[in-house]
């Protein structure tokens, strides 16, 4: 049981660490640029929201990949 909890914490922290670069990559791919010389307050909020959404997508993506690998392992081991 301790091994299961330790492994789950490990995957949780790996997902958090991977989510940050994925969030920045998501923001970079959208090419968010200010309309004027500097960003307005609304544009800054939009940029942070998009970064948060990208990070959340990265976090969910890591867990989906983990669940997929686990499912394939279970199928292969049972056969």
Protein backbone atom coordinates (compact mmCIF):
# COMPACT_ATOMS: atom_id res chain seq x y z
CA UNK A 1 0.00 0.00 0.00
CA UNK A 2 2.87 2.37 0.80
CA UNK A 3 4.38 1.71 -2.62
CA UNK A 4 1.09 2.59 -4.32
CA UNK A 5 0.78 5.88 -2.44
CA UNK A 6 4.44 6.76 -3.07
CA UNK A 7 4.09 6.03 -6.78
CA UNK A 8 0.90 8.11 -7.00
CA UNK A 9 2.66 11.06 -5.34
CA UNK A 10 5.54 10.67 -7.76
CA UNK A 11 3.22 10.78 -10.77
CA UNK A 12 1.37 13.76 -9.28
CA UNK A 13 4.57 15.78 -8.92
CA UNK A 14 5.84 14.73 -12.34
CA UNK A 15 2.52 15.86 -13.81
CA UNK A 16 2.85 19.22 -12.05
CA UNK A 17 6.41 19.70 -13.27
CA UNK A 18 5.53 18.75 -16.86
CA UNK A 19 2.40 20.95 -16.84
CA UNK A 20 4.35 24.22 -16.59
CA UNK A 21 6.37 23.86 -19.82
CA UNK A 22 3.26 22.53 -21.58
CA UNK A 23 1.39 25.66 -20.46
CA UNK A 24 4.12 27.91 -21.86
CA UNK A 25 4.18 25.89 -25.09
CA UNK A 26 0.38 26.23 -25.36
CA UNK A 27 0.68 30.00 -24.87
CA UNK A 28 3.51 30.23 -27.42
CA UNK A 29 1.53 28.30 -30.02
CA UNK A 30 -1.40 30.72 -29.69
CA UNK A 31 0.88 33.72 -30.42
CA UNK A 32 -0.76 36.07 -27.92
CA UNK A 33 0.62 39.55 -28.57
CA UNK A 34 -0.44 42.95 -27.22
CA UNK A 35 -2.52 45.23 -29.44
CA UNK A 36 -0.44 48.29 -28.55
CA UNK A 37 3.04 48.99 -27.27
CA UNK A 38 2.30 47.38 -23.90
CA UNK A 39 -0.23 44.90 -22.63
CA UNK A 40 -3.43 46.15 -21.05
CA UNK A 41 -4.77 44.64 -17.84
CA UNK A 42 -7.31 42.57 -19.78
CA UNK A 43 -4.59 41.16 -22.03
CA UNK A 44 -2.49 40.22 -19.00
CA UNK A 45 -5.46 38.41 -17.47
CA UNK A 46 -6.10 36.61 -20.76
CA UNK A 47 -2.46 35.54 -20.96
CA UNK A 48 -2.52 34.15 -17.42
CA UNK A 49 -5.81 32.36 -18.09
CA UNK A 50 -4.40 30.78 -21.23
CA UNK A 51 -1.27 29.74 -19.34
CA UNK A 52 -3.45 28.16 -16.65
CA UNK A 53 -5.57 26.35 -19.26
CA UNK A 54 -2.44 25.05 -21.01
CA UNK A 55 -0.99 23.86 -17.71
CA UNK A 56 -4.23 22.13 -16.83
CA UNK A 57 -4.29 20.43 -20.23
CA UNK A 58 -0.69 19.28 -19.68
CA UNK A 59 -1.55 17.92 -16.23
CA UNK A 60 -4.57 16.03 -17.54
CA UNK A 61 -2.53 14.80 -20.53
CA UNK A 62 0.13 13.27 -18.29
CA UNK A 63 -2.49 11.45 -16.27
CA UNK A 64 -4.28 10.22 -19.40
CA UNK A 65 -0.99 8.89 -20.77
CA UNK A 66 -0.33 7.19 -17.44
CA UNK A 67 -3.77 5.59 -17.41
CA UNK A 68 -3.34 4.44 -21.01
CA UNK A 69 -0.01 2.78 -20.24
CA UNK A 70 -1.52 1.18 -17.13
CA UNK A 71 -4.46 -0.16 -19.15
CA UNK A 72 -2.21 -1.64 -21.83
CA UNK A 73 -0.04 -3.25 -19.14
CA UNK A 74 -3.09 -4.79 -17.52
CA UNK A 75 -4.29 -6.20 -20.84
CA UNK A 76 -0.89 -7.64 -21.73
CA UNK A 77 -0.26 -9.14 -18.30
CA UNK A 78 -3.70 -10.76 -18.10
CA UNK A 79 -3.24 -12.45 -21.50
